[in-house]
Amino acid sequence: MLLYLRDPTQFGVCINATMGGLAMATGSLPFRANSRTSYERFCQLLREWRERYDIAPQEADAVLAALWRNGREKDRKPPPSVEFGDSPLRFLADLAANNNGE
């Protein structure tokens, strides 16, 4: 983050959302926050991506985070649905009709 504050045109903020968003936007391999080589690759691709789409350094974080969130939501699968038919409703109706014991 300090490098970004020093020169936002050359450096980017390297957090999960920006790394994930840029990887999705460019089709790149995932970035690693604990690798200088990976951070340098992130910054290079970030500059190229910003230039290509005319995105200011101050806008990049928000755009990449939105791309990342959107991509993650698409990857989520809905929980499997289980069809019980009318059996549970019949059971409850029978229970209500014959609920005369403890």
N, C-alpha and C. Protein backbone atom coordinates (compact mmCIF):
# COMPACT_ATOMS: atom_id res chain seq x y z
N MET A 1 0.83 -1.18 0.00
CA MET A 1 0.00 0.00 0.00
C MET A 1 0.88 1.25 0.00
N LEU A 2 2.02 1.17 0.67
CA LEU A 2 2.91 2.33 0.70
C LEU A 2 3.45 2.66 -0.68
N LEU A 3 3.75 1.64 -1.46
CA LEU A 3 4.22 1.90 -2.82
C LEU A 3 3.12 2.57 -3.65
N TYR A 4 1.88 2.13 -3.47
CA TYR A 4 0.76 2.75 -4.17
C TYR A 4 0.63 4.22 -3.77
N LEU A 5 0.75 4.52 -2.49
CA LEU A 5 0.65 5.91 -2.04
C LEU A 5 1.80 6.75 -2.60
N ARG A 6 2.93 6.13 -2.77
CA ARG A 6 4.10 6.84 -3.32
C ARG A 6 3.92 7.14 -4.80
N ASP A 7 3.40 6.15 -5.55
CA ASP A 7 3.21 6.35 -6.99
C ASP A 7 2.07 5.46 -7.49
N PRO A 8 0.83 5.95 -7.42
CA PRO A 8 -0.32 5.12 -7.82
C PRO A 8 -0.35 4.76 -9.30
N THR A 9 0.42 5.44 -10.12
CA THR A 9 0.43 5.09 -11.55
C THR A 9 1.28 3.85 -11.81
N GLN A 10 2.20 3.54 -10.90
CA GLN A 10 3.10 2.40 -11.09
C GLN A 10 2.76 1.19 -10.24
N PHE A 11 2.13 1.43 -9.08
CA PHE A 11 1.91 0.35 -8.12
C PHE A 11 0.42 0.22 -7.82
N GLY A 12 0.03 -0.97 -7.37
CA GLY A 12 -1.36 -1.21 -7.01
C GLY A 12 -1.47 -1.72 -5.60
N VAL A 13 -2.67 -1.67 -5.07
CA VAL A 13 -2.94 -2.22 -3.74
C VAL A 13 -3.21 -3.70 -3.91
N CYS A 14 -2.41 -4.49 -3.26
CA CYS A 14 -2.44 -5.94 -3.44
C CYS A 14 -3.22 -6.58 -2.29
N ILE A 15 -4.53 -6.73 -2.49
CA ILE A 15 -5.39 -7.42 -1.53
C ILE A 15 -6.16 -8.50 -2.30
N ASN A 16 -6.84 -9.38 -1.59
CA ASN A 16 -7.53 -10.49 -2.26
C ASN A 16 -8.46 -10.01 -3.37
N ALA A 17 -9.23 -8.96 -3.10
CA ALA A 17 -10.21 -8.49 -4.08
C ALA A 17 -9.54 -7.94 -5.33
N THR A 18 -8.46 -7.19 -5.19
CA THR A 18 -7.81 -6.63 -6.38
C THR A 18 -7.04 -7.70 -7.14
N MET A 19 -6.38 -8.58 -6.40
CA MET A 19 -5.65 -9.67 -7.06
C MET A 19 -6.62 -10.60 -7.79
N GLY A 20 -7.70 -10.97 -7.11
CA GLY A 20 -8.68 -11.86 -7.73
C GLY A 20 -9.39 -11.22 -8.91
N GLY A 21 -9.73 -9.93 -8.76
CA GLY A 21 -10.40 -9.21 -9.85
C GLY A 21 -9.52 -9.07 -11.07
N LEU A 22 -8.25 -8.75 -10.86
CA LEU A 22 -7.34 -8.61 -12.00
C LEU A 22 -7.08 -9.96 -12.67
N ALA A 23 -6.95 -11.01 -11.88
CA ALA A 23 -6.75 -12.34 -12.46
C ALA A 23 -7.96 -12.72 -13.32
N MET A 24 -9.17 -12.41 -12.84
CA MET A 24 -10.37 -12.71 -13.62
C MET A 24 -10.44 -11.84 -14.88
N ALA A 25 -10.12 -10.57 -14.73
CA ALA A 25 -10.23 -9.62 -15.85
C ALA A 25 -9.23 -9.91 -16.95
N THR A 26 -8.07 -10.44 -16.60
CA THR A 26 -7.01 -10.64 -17.59
C THR A 26 -6.81 -12.10 -17.95
N GLY A 27 -7.48 -13.00 -17.24
CA GLY A 27 -7.25 -14.43 -17.48
C GLY A 27 -5.90 -14.88 -16.98
N SER A 28 -5.34 -14.15 -16.07
CA SER A 28 -4.01 -14.43 -15.53
C SER A 28 -4.06 -15.53 -14.49
N LEU A 29 -2.91 -16.10 -14.23
CA LEU A 29 -2.78 -17.01 -13.10
C LEU A 29 -2.99 -16.20 -11.82
N PRO A 30 -3.41 -16.83 -10.75
CA PRO A 30 -3.61 -16.09 -9.49
C PRO A 30 -2.30 -15.44 -9.02
N PHE A 31 -2.45 -14.34 -8.30
CA PHE A 31 -1.31 -13.63 -7.74
C PHE A 31 -1.12 -14.06 -6.29
N ARG A 32 0.11 -13.90 -5.81
CA ARG A 32 0.41 -14.20 -4.40
C ARG A 32 0.89 -12.93 -3.73
N ALA A 33 0.31 -12.62 -2.60
CA ALA A 33 0.66 -11.39 -1.89
C ALA A 33 2.03 -11.48 -1.21
N ASN A 34 2.55 -12.67 -1.04
CA ASN A 34 3.82 -12.81 -0.33
C ASN A 34 5.00 -13.03 -1.27
N SER A 35 4.86 -12.65 -2.52
CA SER A 35 5.92 -12.87 -3.50
C SER A 35 6.22 -11.57 -4.25
N ARG A 36 7.45 -11.16 -4.21
CA ARG A 36 7.84 -9.94 -4.93
C ARG A 36 7.61 -10.10 -6.43
N THR A 37 7.98 -11.25 -6.97
CA THR A 37 7.79 -11.51 -8.39
C THR A 37 6.31 -11.44 -8.77
N SER A 38 5.47 -12.02 -7.93
CA SER A 38 4.04 -12.00 -8.20
C SER A 38 3.50 -10.57 -8.11
N TYR A 39 3.98 -9.79 -7.12
CA TYR A 39 3.53 -8.41 -6.99
C TYR A 39 3.97 -7.57 -8.19
N GLU A 40 5.18 -7.79 -8.66
CA GLU A 40 5.66 -7.05 -9.84
C GLU A 40 4.82 -7.41 -11.07
N ARG A 41 4.47 -8.69 -11.22
CA ARG A 41 3.60 -9.12 -12.32
C ARG A 41 2.22 -8.50 -12.18
N PHE A 42 1.70 -8.46 -10.95
CA PHE A 42 0.41 -7.83 -10.66
C PHE A 42 0.43 -6.36 -11.09
N CYS A 43 1.47 -5.64 -10.70
CA CYS A 43 1.56 -4.21 -11.04
C CYS A 43 1.66 -4.00 -12.55
N GLN A 44 2.44 -4.82 -13.23
CA GLN A 44 2.58 -4.70 -14.68
C GLN A 44 1.24 -4.93 -15.38
N LEU A 45 0.56 -6.02 -15.01
CA LEU A 45 -0.74 -6.31 -15.62
C LEU A 45 -1.78 -5.26 -15.24
N LEU A 46 -1.68 -4.75 -14.03
CA LEU A 46 -2.60 -3.71 -13.58
C LEU A 46 -2.43 -2.45 -14.43
N ARG A 47 -1.20 -2.04 -14.69
CA ARG A 47 -0.95 -0.86 -15.54
C ARG A 47 -1.50 -1.09 -16.95
N GLU A 48 -1.23 -2.25 -17.51
CA GLU A 48 -1.73 -2.55 -18.87
C GLU A 48 -3.25 -2.56 -18.91
N TRP A 49 -3.87 -3.17 -17.90
CA TRP A 49 -5.34 -3.24 -17.83
C TRP A 49 -5.93 -1.85 -17.67
N ARG A 50 -5.35 -1.02 -16.80
CA ARG A 50 -5.85 0.34 -16.60
C ARG A 50 -5.74 1.16 -17.87
N GLU A 51 -4.62 1.03 -18.57
CA GLU A 51 -4.44 1.78 -19.82
C GLU A 51 -5.43 1.32 -20.88
N ARG A 52 -5.62 0.03 -20.97
CA ARG A 52 -6.53 -0.52 -21.98
C ARG A 52 -7.96 -0.01 -21.81
N TYR A 53 -8.42 0.07 -20.56
CA TYR A 53 -9.80 0.48 -20.29
C TYR A 53 -9.93 1.90 -19.76
N ASP A 54 -8.82 2.65 -19.78
CA ASP A 54 -8.81 4.05 -19.35
C ASP A 54 -9.38 4.20 -17.94
N ILE A 55 -8.81 3.45 -17.02
CA ILE A 55 -9.24 3.47 -15.62
C ILE A 55 -8.16 4.17 -14.80
N ALA A 56 -8.58 5.16 -14.04
CA ALA A 56 -7.65 5.91 -13.19
C ALA A 56 -7.20 5.01 -12.03
N PRO A 57 -5.99 5.26 -11.51
CA PRO A 57 -5.52 4.44 -10.38
C PRO A 57 -6.49 4.43 -9.21
N GLN A 58 -7.14 5.56 -8.97
CA GLN A 58 -8.07 5.66 -7.84
C GLN A 58 -9.35 4.85 -8.07
N GLU A 59 -9.65 4.51 -9.30
CA GLU A 59 -10.85 3.73 -9.62
C GLU A 59 -10.58 2.23 -9.66
N ALA A 60 -9.35 1.85 -9.87
CA ALA A 60 -9.00 0.45 -10.13
C ALA A 60 -9.43 -0.48 -9.00
N ASP A 61 -9.19 -0.08 -7.75
CA ASP A 61 -9.54 -0.95 -6.62
C ASP A 61 -11.02 -1.29 -6.61
N ALA A 62 -11.86 -0.26 -6.78
CA ALA A 62 -13.31 -0.48 -6.73
C ALA A 62 -13.77 -1.35 -7.90
N VAL A 63 -13.24 -1.10 -9.09
CA VAL A 63 -13.65 -1.87 -10.27
C VAL A 63 -13.20 -3.33 -10.13
N LEU A 64 -11.97 -3.54 -9.71
CA LEU A 64 -11.46 -4.91 -9.57
C LEU A 64 -12.19 -5.66 -8.46
N ALA A 65 -12.48 -4.99 -7.36
CA ALA A 65 -13.22 -5.64 -6.28
C ALA A 65 -14.62 -6.05 -6.75
N ALA A 66 -15.26 -5.19 -7.53
CA ALA A 66 -16.59 -5.52 -8.05
C ALA A 66 -16.52 -6.71 -9.01
N LEU A 67 -15.51 -6.74 -9.86
CA LEU A 67 -15.33 -7.88 -10.76
C LEU A 67 -15.13 -9.17 -9.97
N TRP A 68 -14.32 -9.08 -8.94
CA TRP A 68 -14.02 -10.25 -8.11
C TRP A 68 -15.28 -10.75 -7.41
N ARG A 69 -16.04 -9.83 -6.80
CA ARG A 69 -17.28 -10.23 -6.11
C ARG A 69 -18.27 -10.85 -7.10
N ASN A 70 -18.41 -10.22 -8.25
CA ASN A 70 -19.34 -10.73 -9.26
C ASN A 70 -18.93 -12.12 -9.72
N GLY A 71 -17.66 -12.32 -9.95
CA GLY A 71 -17.16 -13.63 -10.38
C GLY A 71 -17.36 -14.69 -9.32
N ARG A 72 -17.18 -14.32 -8.07
CA ARG A 72 -17.38 -15.29 -6.97
C ARG A 72 -18.84 -15.66 -6.84
N GLU A 73 -19.74 -14.70 -7.02
CA GLU A 73 -21.17 -14.99 -6.92
C GLU A 73 -21.62 -15.93 -8.03
N LYS A 74 -21.05 -15.77 -9.22
CA LYS A 74 -21.41 -16.66 -10.34
C LYS A 74 -20.92 -18.08 -10.09
N ASP A 75 -19.79 -18.21 -9.38
CA ASP A 75 -19.23 -19.55 -9.11
C ASP A 75 -19.99 -20.30 -8.03
N ARG A 76 -20.74 -19.57 -7.23
CA ARG A 76 -21.50 -20.23 -6.16
C ARG A 76 -22.64 -21.03 -6.75
N LYS A 77 -22.75 -22.24 -6.30
CA LYS A 77 -23.84 -23.09 -6.77
C LYS A 77 -24.97 -23.03 -5.74
N PRO A 78 -26.19 -22.99 -6.20
CA PRO A 78 -27.29 -23.00 -5.23
C PRO A 78 -27.31 -24.33 -4.49
N PRO A 79 -27.78 -24.32 -3.26
CA PRO A 79 -27.83 -25.59 -2.53
C PRO A 79 -28.76 -26.57 -3.25
N PRO A 80 -28.45 -27.84 -3.16
CA PRO A 80 -29.31 -28.81 -3.85
C PRO A 80 -30.71 -28.78 -3.25
N SER A 81 -31.69 -28.89 -4.11
CA SER A 81 -33.07 -28.92 -3.62
C SER A 81 -33.49 -30.37 -3.44
N VAL A 82 -34.27 -30.59 -2.44
CA VAL A 82 -34.76 -31.93 -2.15
C VAL A 82 -36.27 -31.90 -2.28
N GLU A 83 -36.77 -32.77 -3.09
CA GLU A 83 -38.22 -32.85 -3.31
C GLU A 83 -38.79 -33.93 -2.41
N PHE A 84 -39.72 -33.54 -1.56
CA PHE A 84 -40.38 -34.51 -0.69
C PHE A 84 -41.77 -34.88 -1.20
N GLY A 85 -42.26 -34.16 -2.18
CA GLY A 85 -43.62 -34.41 -2.63
C GLY A 85 -44.60 -33.93 -1.56
N ASP A 86 -45.73 -34.59 -1.48
CA ASP A 86 -46.73 -34.16 -0.51
C ASP A 86 -46.68 -34.99 0.77
N SER A 87 -45.70 -35.88 0.91
CA SER A 87 -45.60 -36.73 2.09
C SER A 87 -45.50 -35.94 3.40
N PRO A 88 -44.66 -34.94 3.51
CA PRO A 88 -44.58 -34.19 4.77
C PRO A 88 -45.90 -33.51 5.11
N LEU A 89 -46.59 -32.98 4.11
CA LEU A 89 -47.86 -32.32 4.38
C LEU A 89 -48.92 -33.32 4.83
N ARG A 90 -48.93 -34.50 4.23
CA ARG A 90 -49.88 -35.54 4.66
C ARG A 90 -49.59 -35.98 6.09
N PHE A 91 -48.30 -36.14 6.40
CA PHE A 91 -47.90 -36.52 7.76
C PHE A 91 -48.40 -35.48 8.77
N LEU A 92 -48.17 -34.20 8.47
CA LEU A 92 -48.62 -33.15 9.39
C LEU A 92 -50.14 -33.11 9.51
N ALA A 93 -50.85 -33.33 8.41
CA ALA A 93 -52.33 -33.35 8.45
C ALA A 93 -52.80 -34.52 9.29
N ASP A 94 -52.18 -35.71 9.11
CA ASP A 94 -52.54 -36.88 9.91
C ASP A 94 -52.23 -36.64 11.38
N LEU A 95 -51.11 -36.02 11.65
CA LEU A 95 -50.73 -35.73 13.02
C LEU A 95 -51.73 -34.78 13.67
N ALA A 96 -52.12 -33.75 12.94
CA ALA A 96 -53.10 -32.81 13.49
C ALA A 96 -54.44 -33.49 13.74
N ALA A 97 -54.84 -34.39 12.85
CA ALA A 97 -56.13 -35.06 13.00
C ALA A 97 -56.11 -36.10 14.12
N ASN A 98 -54.98 -36.69 14.37
CA ASN A 98 -54.90 -37.79 15.35
C ASN A 98 -54.01 -37.44 16.54
N ASN A 99 -53.89 -36.20 16.86
CA ASN A 99 -53.01 -35.78 17.96
C ASN A 99 -53.79 -35.80 19.26
N ASN A 100 -54.05 -36.99 19.73
CA ASN A 100 -54.83 -37.12 20.95
C ASN A 100 -54.07 -37.83 22.06
N GLY A 101 -52.82 -38.07 21.86
CA GLY A 101 -52.02 -38.73 22.88
C GLY A 101 -50.77 -37.93 23.17
N GLU A 102 -50.14 -38.33 24.25
CA GLU A 102 -48.91 -37.64 24.60
C GLU A 102 -47.83 -38.14 23.70
